[in-house]
PDB file of N, CA and C in Angstrom:
ATOM      1  N   MET A   1     138.226 127.945  68.676  1.00  0.00           N
ATOM      2  CA  MET A   1     137.778 126.504  69.396  1.00  0.00           C
ATOM      3  C   MET A   1     136.214 126.680  69.697  1.00  0.00           C
ATOM      4  N   PRO A   2     135.590 125.441  68.936  1.00  0.00           N
ATOM      5  CA  PRO A   2     134.470 124.934  68.629  1.00  0.00           C
ATOM      6  C   PRO A   2     134.054 124.972  70.159  1.00  0.00           C
ATOM      7  N   ALA A   3     132.701 124.848  70.690  1.00  0.00           N
ATOM      8  CA  ALA A   3     132.079 124.646  71.855  1.00  0.00           C
ATOM      9  C   ALA A   3     132.249 123.185  71.752  1.00  0.00           C
ATOM     10  N   HIS A   4     132.542 122.805  73.189  1.00  0.00           N
ATOM     11  CA  HIS A   4     132.377 121.226  73.193  1.00  0.00           C
ATOM     12  C   HIS A   4     131.186 120.810  73.525  1.00  0.00           C
ATOM     13  N   PHE A   5     130.504 120.237  72.669  1.00  0.00           N
ATOM     14  CA  PHE A   5     129.264 119.412  72.770  1.00  0.00           C
ATOM     15  C   PHE A   5     128.642 118.705  73.297  1.00  0.00           C
ATOM     16  N   VAL A   6     128.085 118.870  74.889  1.00  0.00           N
ATOM     17  CA  VAL A   6     127.778 118.045  75.917  1.00  0.00           C
ATOM     18  C   VAL A   6     125.703 117.465  75.443  1.00  0.00           C
ATOM     19  N   PRO A   7     125.757 116.651  75.723  1.00  0.00           N
ATOM     20  CA  PRO A   7     124.430 116.124  75.223  1.00  0.00           C
ATOM     21  C   PRO A   7     123.748 115.750  76.355  1.00  0.00           C
ATOM     22  N   LEU A   8     122.169 115.862  76.253  1.00  0.00           N
ATOM     23  CA  LEU A   8     121.556 116.198  77.344  1.00  0.00           C
ATOM     24  C   LEU A   8     121.051 115.189  77.972  1.00  0.00           C
ATOM     25  N   SER A   9     121.351 114.614  78.960  1.00  0.00           N
ATOM     26  CA  SER A   9     121.555 113.141  79.520  1.00  0.00           C
ATOM     27  C   SER A   9     119.957 112.910  79.957  1.00  0.00           C
ATOM     28  N   SER A  10     118.630 113.673  80.260  1.00  0.00           N
ATOM     29  CA  SER A  10     118.129 113.997  80.503  1.00  0.00           C
ATOM     30  C   SER A  10     117.226 113.790  80.097  1.00  0.00           C
ATOM     31  N   TYR A  11     117.076 113.738  78.422  1.00  0.00           N
ATOM     32  CA  TYR A  11     116.338 113.980  77.677  1.00  0.00           C
ATOM     33  C   TYR A  11     115.303 112.702  77.596  1.00  0.00           C
ATOM     34  N   VAL A  12     113.853 113.100  77.290  1.00  0.00           N
ATOM     35  CA  VAL A  12     113.135 111.697  77.410  1.00  0.00           C
ATOM     36  C   VAL A  12     112.012 111.975  76.320  1.00  0.00           C
ATOM     37  N   GLU A  13     112.196 111.243  74.794  1.00  0.00           N
ATOM     38  CA  GLU A  13     111.444 111.089  73.730  1.00  0.00           C
ATOM     39  C   GLU A  13     110.404 110.362  73.633  1.00  0.00           C
ATOM     40  N   TYR A  14     109.361 110.876  74.012  1.00  0.00           N
ATOM     41  CA  TYR A  14     107.683 110.417  74.497  1.00  0.00           C
ATOM     42  C   TYR A  14     107.193 110.141  72.957  1.00  0.00           C
ATOM     43  N   PRO A  15     106.559 108.978  73.315  1.00  0.00           N
ATOM     44  CA  PRO A  15     105.710 109.070  71.766  1.00  0.00           C
ATOM     45  C   PRO A  15     104.601 109.680  71.446  1.00  0.00           C
ATOM     46  N   SER A  16     104.509 110.032  69.841  1.00  0.00           N
ATOM     47  CA  SER A  16     103.819 110.523  69.023  1.00  0.00           C
ATOM     48  C   SER A  16     102.452 111.004  70.243  1.00  0.00           C
ATOM     49  N   GLY A  17     101.860 110.080  70.550  1.00  0.00           N
ATOM     50  CA  GLY A  17     100.026 109.968  71.247  1.00  0.00           C
ATOM     51  C   GLY A  17     100.523 111.211  72.963  1.00  0.00           C
ATOM     52  N   GLU A  18     101.311 111.398  72.873  1.00  0.00           N
ATOM     53  CA  GLU A  18     101.603 111.246  74.859  1.00  0.00           C
ATOM     54  C   GLU A  18     102.328 112.358  74.677  1.00  0.00           C
ATOM     55  N   MET A  19     103.168 112.862  73.066  1.00  0.00           N
ATOM     56  CA  MET A  19     103.886 114.774  72.962  1.00  0.00           C
ATOM     57  C   MET A  19     102.181 115.054  72.734  1.00  0.00           C
ATOM     58  N   ALA A  20     100.988 114.780  71.751  1.00  0.00           N
ATOM     59  CA  ALA A  20     100.090 115.445  71.309  1.00  0.00           C
ATOM     60  C   ALA A  20      99.758 115.815  72.502  1.00  0.00           C
ATOM     61  N   ARG A  21      99.158 114.772  73.865  1.00  0.00           N
ATOM     62  CA  ARG A  21      98.571 115.166  74.888  1.00  0.00           C
ATOM     63  C   ARG A  21      99.181 116.223  75.804  1.00  0.00           C
ATOM     64  N   ARG A  22     100.658 116.313  75.781  1.00  0.00           N
ATOM     65  CA  ARG A  22     101.229 116.952  76.370  1.00  0.00           C
ATOM     66  C   ARG A  22     101.329 118.743  75.672  1.00  0.00           C
ATOM     67  N   THR A  23     101.155 118.242  74.405  1.00  0.00           N
ATOM     68  CA  THR A  23     101.409 119.815  73.856  1.00  0.00           C
ATOM     69  C   THR A  23     100.121 120.590  73.907  1.00  0.00           C
ATOM     70  N   ARG A  24      98.751 119.949  73.973  1.00  0.00           N
ATOM     71  CA  ARG A  24      97.695 120.648  73.994  1.00  0.00           C
ATOM     72  C   ARG A  24      97.361 120.930  75.708  1.00  0.00           C
ATOM     73  N   ALA A  25      97.991 120.154  76.344  1.00  0.00           N
ATOM     74  CA  ALA A  25      97.957 120.507  78.005  1.00  0.00           C
ATOM     75  C   ALA A  25      99.089 121.790  78.368  1.00  0.00           C
ATOM     76  N   PHE A  26      99.484 121.695  77.587  1.00  0.00           N
ATOM     77  CA  PHE A  26     101.015 123.339  77.845  1.00  0.00           C
ATOM     78  C   PHE A  26     100.070 124.249  76.646  1.00  0.00           C
ATOM     79  N   TYR A  27      99.389 124.263  75.811  1.00  0.00           N
ATOM     80  CA  TYR A  27      98.883 125.396  75.076  1.00  0.00           C
ATOM     81  C   TYR A  27      97.809 125.979  75.952  1.00  0.00           C
ATOM     82  N   ALA A  28      96.948 124.787  76.425  1.00  0.00           N
ATOM     83  CA  ALA A  28      95.806 125.354  77.582  1.00  0.00           C
ATOM     84  C   ALA A  28      96.096 125.727  78.964  1.00  0.00           C
ATOM     85  N   ASP A  29      97.115 125.605  79.320  1.00  0.00           N
ATOM     86  CA  ASP A  29      98.090 126.414  80.605  1.00  0.00           C
ATOM     87  C   ASP A  29      98.327 127.625  80.016  1.00  0.00           C
ATOM     88  N   MET A  30      99.081 127.784  79.133  1.00  0.00           N
ATOM     89  CA  MET A  30      99.733 129.080  78.253  1.00  0.00           C
ATOM     90  C   MET A  30      98.310 130.191  77.797  1.00  0.00           C
ATOM     91  N   ASN A  31      97.263 129.758  77.489  1.00  0.00           N
ATOM     92  CA  ASN A  31      96.514 130.296  76.820  1.00  0.00           C
ATOM     93  C   ASN A  31      95.558 131.168  77.978  1.00  0.00           C
ATOM     94  N   ARG A  32      95.944 130.032  79.307  1.00  0.00           N
ATOM     95  CA  ARG A  32      95.236 131.063  80.461  1.00  0.00           C
ATOM     96  C   ARG A  32      95.699 131.897  81.050  1.00  0.00           C
ATOM     97  N   ARG A  33      96.946 132.198  80.581  1.00  0.00           N
ATOM     98  CA  ARG A  33      98.017 133.404  81.890  1.00  0.00           C
ATOM     99  C   ARG A  33      97.685 134.750  80.982  1.00  0.00           C
ATOM    100  N   ARG A  34      97.501 135.738  82.016  1.00  0.00           N
ATOM    101  CA  ARG A  34      96.739 136.646  81.503  1.00  0.00           C
ATOM    102  C   ARG A  34      98.182 137.842  82.037  1.00  0.00           C
ATOM    103  N   THR A  35      98.365 138.621  81.526  1.00  0.00           N
ATOM    104  CA  THR A  35      99.417 140.208  82.303  1.00  0.00           C
ATOM    105  C   THR A  35      98.092 140.476  83.553  1.00  0.00           C
ATOM    106  N   VAL A  36      98.794 140.872  84.717  1.00  0.00           N
ATOM    107  CA  VAL A  36      97.964 141.113  86.088  1.00  0.00           C
ATOM    108  C   VAL A  36      98.942 142.451  86.555  1.00  0.00           C
ATOM    109  N   ARG A  37      97.940 143.200  86.689  1.00  0.00           N
ATOM    110  CA  ARG A  37      98.391 144.615  87.347  1.00  0.00           C
ATOM    111  C   ARG A  37      98.087 144.879  88.680  1.00  0.00           C
ATOM    112  N   ASP A  38      97.495 144.008  89.158  1.00  0.00           N
ATOM    113  CA  ASP A  38      96.774 144.050  90.588  1.00  0.00           C
ATOM    114  C   ASP A  38      97.250 143.156  91.068  1.00  0.00           C
ATOM    115  N   PHE A  39      97.996 143.004  92.458  1.00  0.00           N
ATOM    116  CA  PHE A  39      98.429 142.305  93.187  1.00  0.00           C
ATOM    117  C   PHE A  39      97.813 141.990  94.227  1.00  0.00           C
ATOM    118  N   SER A  40      98.040 140.659  94.763  1.00  0.00           N
ATOM    119  CA  SER A  40      97.277 139.932  95.745  1.00  0.00           C
ATOM    120  C   SER A  40      98.097 140.625  97.299  1.00  0.00           C
ATOM    121  N   ASP A  41      97.341 140.122  98.111  1.00  0.00           N
ATOM    122  CA  ASP A  41      98.279 140.240  99.490  1.00  0.00           C
ATOM    123  C   ASP A  41      98.507 139.210  99.975  1.00  0.00           C
ATOM    124  N   ARG A  42      98.157 137.753  99.265  1.00  0.00           N
ATOM    125  CA  ARG A  42      98.177 136.620 100.022  1.00  0.00           C
ATOM    126  C   ARG A  42      99.607 136.036 100.001  1.00  0.00           C
ATOM    127  N   PRO A  43     100.001 135.883 100.924  1.00  0.00           N
ATOM    128  CA  PRO A  43     101.158 135.310 100.841  1.00  0.00           C
ATOM    129  C   PRO A  43     101.707 134.295 100.033  1.00  0.00           C
ATOM    130  N   VAL A  44     102.991 134.058  99.732  1.00  0.00           N
ATOM    131  CA  VAL A  44     103.326 133.189  98.846  1.00  0.00           C
ATOM    132  C   VAL A  44     104.395 132.456  99.586  1.00  0.00           C
ATOM    133  N   ALA A  45     104.674 131.418  99.639  1.00  0.00           N
ATOM    134  CA  ALA A  45     105.518 130.677 100.104  1.00  0.00           C
ATOM    135  C   ALA A  45     107.124 130.596  99.342  1.00  0.00           C
ATOM    136  N   ARG A  46     108.596 131.056 100.527  1.00  0.00           N
ATOM    137  CA  ARG A  46     109.330 131.652  99.564  1.00  0.00           C
ATOM    138  C   ARG A  46     109.728 130.230  98.844  1.00  0.00           C
ATOM    139  N   GLN A  47     109.693 128.867  99.312  1.00  0.00           N
ATOM    140  CA  GLN A  47     110.074 127.686  98.107  1.00  0.00           C
ATOM    141  C   GLN A  47     109.385 128.074  96.610  1.00  0.00           C
ATOM    142  N   ILE A  48     107.947 128.390  96.867  1.00  0.00           N
ATOM    143  CA  ILE A  48     107.367 128.302  95.970  1.00  0.00           C
ATOM    144  C   ILE A  48     108.077 129.467  94.731  1.00  0.00           C
ATOM    145  N   ILE A  49     108.672 130.598  95.439  1.00  0.00           N
ATOM    146  CA  ILE A  49     108.869 131.610  94.452  1.00  0.00           C
ATOM    147  C   ILE A  49     110.271 131.338  94.616  1.00  0.00           C
ATOM    148  N   GLU A  50     111.061 130.626  95.185  1.00  0.00           N
ATOM    149  CA  GLU A  50     112.646 130.209  94.185  1.00  0.00           C
ATOM    150  C   GLU A  50     112.654 129.118  93.314  1.00  0.00           C
ATOM    151  N   ASP A  51     111.356 128.331  93.574  1.00  0.00           N
ATOM    152  CA  ASP A  51     111.300 126.992  92.353  1.00  0.00           C
ATOM    153  C   ASP A  51     110.626 127.983  90.829  1.00  0.00           C
ATOM    154  N   CYS A  52     110.309 129.071  91.175  1.00  0.00           N
ATOM    155  CA  CYS A  52     109.548 129.918  89.936  1.00  0.00           C
ATOM    156  C   CYS A  52     110.166 130.339  89.510  1.00  0.00           C
ATOM    157  N   LEU A  53     111.227 130.868  90.277  1.00  0.00           N
ATOM    158  CA  LEU A  53     112.916 131.899  89.384  1.00  0.00           C
ATOM    159  C   LEU A  53     113.704 130.450  89.161  1.00  0.00           C
ATOM    160  N   ARG A  54     114.066 129.838  90.238  1.00  0.00           N
ATOM    161  CA  ARG A  54     115.055 129.032  89.280  1.00  0.00           C
ATOM    162  C   ARG A  54     114.195 128.441  87.805  1.00  0.00           C
ATOM    163  N   THR A  55     113.149 128.066  87.675  1.00  0.00           N
ATOM    164  CA  THR A  55     112.608 127.766  86.407  1.00  0.00           C
ATOM    165  C   THR A  55     112.498 128.759  85.417  1.00  0.00           C
ATOM    166  N   ALA A  56     112.623 130.344  86.031  1.00  0.00           N
ATOM    167  CA  ALA A  56     112.435 131.110  84.730  1.00  0.00           C
ATOM    168  C   ALA A  56     114.117 131.414  84.404  1.00  0.00           C
ATOM    169  N   GLY A  57     115.103 130.797  84.916  1.00  0.00           N
ATOM    170  CA  GLY A  57     116.308 131.382  84.798  1.00  0.00           C
ATOM    171  C   GLY A  57     116.620 130.012  84.145  1.00  0.00           C
ATOM    172  N   THR A  58     116.224 129.038  83.711  1.00  0.00           N
ATOM    173  CA  THR A  58     116.334 128.257  82.382  1.00  0.00           C
ATOM    174  C   THR A  58     115.807 127.991  81.342  1.00  0.00           C
ATOM    175  N   ALA A  59     115.230 129.503  80.979  1.00  0.00           N
ATOM    176  CA  ALA A  59     114.831 130.044  79.830  1.00  0.00           C
ATOM    177  C   ALA A  59     116.013 130.140  78.457  1.00  0.00           C
ATOM    178  N   PRO A  60     116.013 130.003  77.620  1.00  0.00           N
ATOM    179  CA  PRO A  60     117.371 130.134  77.100  1.00  0.00           C
ATOM    180  C   PRO A  60     116.962 131.778  76.482  1.00  0.00           C
ATOM    181  N   SER A  61     118.303 132.096  76.142  1.00  0.00           N
ATOM    182  CA  SER A  61     118.682 133.651  75.954  1.00  0.00           C
ATOM    183  C   SER A  61     119.596 134.100  74.832  1.00  0.00           C
ATOM    184  N   GLY A  62     119.699 134.842  74.130  1.00  0.00           N
ATOM    185  CA  GLY A  62     120.813 135.322  73.349  1.00  0.00           C
ATOM    186  C   GLY A  62     121.711 135.084  73.924  1.00  0.00           C
ATOM    187  N   ALA A  63     122.863 133.990  72.959  1.00  0.00           N
ATOM    188  CA  ALA A  63     124.331 133.826  73.480  1.00  0.00           C
ATOM    189  C   ALA A  63     124.542 132.716  74.450  1.00  0.00           C
ATOM    190  N   ASN A  64     123.066 131.946  74.995  1.00  0.00           N
ATOM    191  CA  ASN A  64     122.930 131.775  76.333  1.00  0.00           C
ATOM    192  C   ASN A  64     123.073 132.654  77.438  1.00  0.00           C
ATOM    193  N   LEU A  65     123.214 133.809  77.339  1.00  0.00           N
ATOM    194  CA  LEU A  65     124.156 134.585  78.858  1.00  0.00           C
ATOM    195  C   LEU A  65     122.671 135.050  79.853  1.00  0.00           C
ATOM    196  N   GLN A  66     121.322 134.872  79.588  1.00  0.00           N
ATOM    197  CA  GLN A  66     120.703 134.671  80.646  1.00  0.00           C
ATOM    198  C   GLN A  66     120.698 136.407  81.339  1.00  0.00           C
ATOM    199  N   PRO A  67     120.469 137.517  80.740  1.00  0.00           N
ATOM    200  CA  PRO A  67     120.713 139.018  81.060  1.00  0.00           C
ATOM    201  C   PRO A  67     119.712 139.581  81.970  1.00  0.00           C
ATOM    202  N   TRP A  68     118.995 138.692  82.315  1.00  0.00           N
ATOM    203  CA  TRP A  68     117.728 139.327  83.568  1.00  0.00           C
ATOM    204  C   TRP A  68     118.372 138.965  85.136  1.00  0.00           C
ATOM    205  N   GLN A  69     117.486 140.027  85.700  1.00  0.00           N
ATOM    206  CA  GLN A  69     117.628 139.854  86.941  1.00  0.00           C
ATOM    207  C   GLN A  69     116.131 139.846  87.500  1.00  0.00           C
ATOM    208  N   PHE A  70     115.969 139.081  89.182  1.00  0.00           N
ATOM    209  CA  PHE A  70     115.300 139.132  89.641  1.00  0.00           C
ATOM    210  C   PHE A  70     114.925 139.754  90.645  1.00  0.00           C
ATOM    211  N   VAL A  71     114.151 140.528  91.208  1.00  0.00           N
ATOM    212  CA  VAL A  71     113.842 141.018  92.850  1.00  0.00           C
ATOM    213  C   VAL A  71     112.696 140.507  93.224  1.00  0.00           C
ATOM    214  N   VAL A  72     112.950 139.615  94.284  1.00  0.00           N
ATOM    215  CA  VAL A  72     112.176 139.083  95.076  1.00  0.00           C
ATOM    216  C   VAL A  72     112.029 140.125  96.205  1.00  0.00           C
ATOM    217  N   ALA A  73     110.916 141.229  96.774  1.00  0.00           N
ATOM    218  CA  ALA A  73     110.281 141.879  97.400  1.00  0.00           C
ATOM    219  C   ALA A  73     109.133 141.456  98.453  1.00  0.00           C
ATOM    220  N   GLY A  74     109.495 142.020  99.863  1.00  0.00           N
ATOM    221  CA  GLY A  74     108.339 141.455 100.832  1.00  0.00           C
ATOM    222  C   GLY A  74     107.909 142.950 101.649  1.00  0.00           C
ATOM    223  N   TYR A  75     106.994 142.982 102.078  1.00  0.00           N
ATOM    224  CA  TYR A  75     106.712 144.289 102.647  1.00  0.00           C
ATOM    225  C   TYR A  75     106.067 143.624 104.120  1.00  0.00           C
ATOM    226  N   PRO A  76     107.127 143.902 105.055  1.00  0.00           N
ATOM    227  CA  PRO A  76     106.918 143.428 106.391  1.00  0.00           C
ATOM    228  C   PRO A  76     105.726 144.083 107.292  1.00  0.00           C
ATOM    229  N   ALA A  77     105.476 145.546 106.724  1.00  0.00           N
ATOM    230  CA  ALA A  77     105.041 146.380 107.447  1.00  0.00           C
ATOM    231  C   ALA A  77     103.889 146.477 106.789  1.00  0.00           C
ATOM    232  N   GLU A  78     102.723 147.203 108.209  1.00  0.00           N
ATOM    233  CA  GLU A  78     101.288 147.204 107.755  1.00  0.00           C
ATOM    234  C   GLU A  78     101.033 148.262 106.973  1.00  0.00           C
ATOM    235  N   GLY A  79     100.456 148.242 105.822  1.00  0.00           N
ATOM    236  CA  GLY A  79      99.964 149.060 104.902  1.00  0.00           C
ATOM    237  C   GLY A  79     101.150 149.357 104.028  1.00  0.00           C
ATOM    238  N   ALA A  80     102.260 149.133 104.110  1.00  0.00           N
ATOM    239  CA  ALA A  80     103.337 149.030 103.164  1.00  0.00           C
ATOM    240  C   ALA A  80     102.982 149.224 101.313  1.00  0.00           C
ATOM    241  N   GLN A  81     104.253 150.194 100.726  1.00  0.00           N
ATOM    242  CA  GLN A  81     103.483 150.547  99.470  1.00  0.00           C
ATOM    243  C   GLN A  81     104.726 149.299  98.851  1.00  0.00           C
ATOM    244  N   VAL A  82     103.753 148.968  97.012  1.00  0.00           N
ATOM    245  CA  VAL A  82     104.613 148.226  96.466  1.00  0.00           C
ATOM    246  C   VAL A  82     105.690 149.735  95.783  1.00  0.00           C
ATOM    247  N   PRO A  83     106.837 149.742  95.843  1.00  0.00           N
ATOM    248  CA  PRO A  83     107.594 150.522  95.109  1.00  0.00           C
ATOM    249  C   PRO A  83     107.684 151.157  93.403  1.00  0.00           C
ATOM    250  N   ASP A  84     107.620 151.757  92.822  1.00  0.00           N
ATOM    251  CA  ASP A  84     107.648 151.854  91.436  1.00  0.00           C
ATOM    252  C   ASP A  84     109.113 151.292  91.211  1.00  0.00           C
ATOM    253  N   ILE A  85     109.471 150.539  91.167  1.00  0.00           N
ATOM    254  CA  ILE A  85     111.026 149.605  90.343  1.00  0.00           C
ATOM    255  C   ILE A  85     110.758 149.567  88.871  1.00  0.00           C
ATOM    256  N   GLN A  86     109.950 149.805  87.867  1.00  0.00           N
ATOM    257  CA  GLN A  86     110.057 149.715  86.593  1.00  0.00           C
ATOM    258  C   GLN A  86     111.173 150.699  86.048  1.00  0.00           C
ATOM    259  N   ARG A  87     110.991 151.882  86.561  1.00  0.00           N
ATOM    260  CA  ARG A  87     111.980 153.051  85.727  1.00  0.00           C
ATOM    261  C   ARG A  87     113.450 152.907  86.479  1.00  0.00           C
ATOM    262  N   LYS A  88     113.630 152.281  87.559  1.00  0.00           N
ATOM    263  CA  LYS A  88     114.712 152.364  88.138  1.00  0.00           C
ATOM    264  C   LYS A  88     115.740 151.541  87.930  1.00  0.00           C
ATOM    265  N   PRO A  89     117.312 152.264  88.208  1.00  0.00           N
ATOM    266  CA  PRO A  89     118.258 151.371  88.150  1.00  0.00           C
ATOM    267  C   PRO A  89     117.918 150.138  89.296  1.00  0.00           C
ATOM    268  N   LEU A  90     118.647 148.648  89.205  1.00  0.00           N
ATOM    269  CA  LEU A  90     118.432 147.955  90.451  1.00  0.00           C
ATOM    270  C   LEU A  90     118.889 148.153  90.983  1.00  0.00           C
ATOM    271  N   SER A  91     120.099 149.078  90.759  1.00  0.00           N
ATOM    272  CA  SER A  91     121.277 149.458  92.471  1.00  0.00           C
ATOM    273  C   SER A  91     120.817 150.366  93.316  1.00  0.00           C
ATOM    274  N   ASP A  92     119.417 150.947  92.894  1.00  0.00           N
ATOM    275  CA  ASP A  92     118.597 152.260  93.511  1.00  0.00           C
ATOM    276  C   ASP A  92     117.026 151.441  94.116  1.00  0.00           C
ATOM    277  N   ILE A  93     117.089 150.181  94.293  1.00  0.00           N
ATOM    278  CA  ILE A  93     115.766 149.601  94.396  1.00  0.00           C
ATOM    279  C   ILE A  93     116.553 149.174  96.040  1.00  0.00           C
ATOM    280  N   ALA A  94     115.492 149.448  96.954  1.00  0.00           N
ATOM    281  CA  ALA A  94     115.249 149.036  98.166  1.00  0.00           C
ATOM    282  C   ALA A  94     114.987 147.680  98.336  1.00  0.00           C
ATOM    283  N   VAL A  95     115.101 146.131  98.588  1.00  0.00           N
ATOM    284  CA  VAL A  95     114.570 145.069  98.157  1.00  0.00           C
ATOM    285  C   VAL A  95     114.505 144.536  99.928  1.00  0.00           C
ATOM    286  N   PHE A  96     113.572 144.433 100.131  1.00  0.00           N
ATOM    287  CA  PHE A  96     113.334 143.705 101.508  1.00  0.00           C
ATOM    288  C   PHE A  96     112.649 142.393 101.274  1.00  0.00           C
ATOM    289  N   VAL A  97     113.439 141.436 101.918  1.00  0.00           N
ATOM    290  CA  VAL A  97     113.194 139.800 101.687  1.00  0.00           C
ATOM    291  C   VAL A  97     112.868 138.773 102.995  1.00  0.00           C
TER     292      VAL A  97
END
């Protein structure tokens, strides 16, 4: 049974000049990004984190399965250490939110 096509009702087609301006601005933003392995202790509002994760979850993936999982961790204790979560199964990670 073929999938039912659902049109994107919120699609906005911009004029060519506007598309060019937007693509240049988007490229400039993406070109500034860097991989960071040094983390700030500056607090980030929970709403900002939720908005970022909600946006990340809209990214397309194979078969539209979105197989990723996100962990949001907070460190309430003074001097708490960031856990090494890169090599552990998600079920083994203690998360403080």
